[in-house]
Amino acid sequence: MQYGLWRVSPGLNSKFNPVTVRGRLYHCPEGQSINVLYSDAEILASGYQWIVLAKEVVTSDKRPVNPQVGRTVFDSTIGHVIIFNHGVNGQPGAWVVRTTGAPA
């Protein structure tokens, strides 16, 4: 389990946006995402159909070192969900933007 902040989105046309969880109001523009406390994110995902994009929010200088292939985080410095991929042709793995595959 990851503690701290998770990146979540209500998705498109969510009937649960805005929503209050544990006394905190969460509102997110359609098609966008926000950082949420992990404990609230679990409730948003399981009870309100919000989508978990990443279970960890970091800055570029605090990215995990030697992560497992497939590890996904939201990099708040560049504003993208990134994933650690496996290297090809003998190259080491690298962080890439999940939606485009561009180097991160």
Foldseek 3Di string as FASTA:
>chain_A
DAFDKFKKACEAPFPPAFDADPNDTDHDPHPHIDIDGLVVVVCCVPPRVIGTPASAEEAPVPPDDPDDFQHWYQHPNVGAIWTWHQDPPPDGIAIAGPVPRHGD
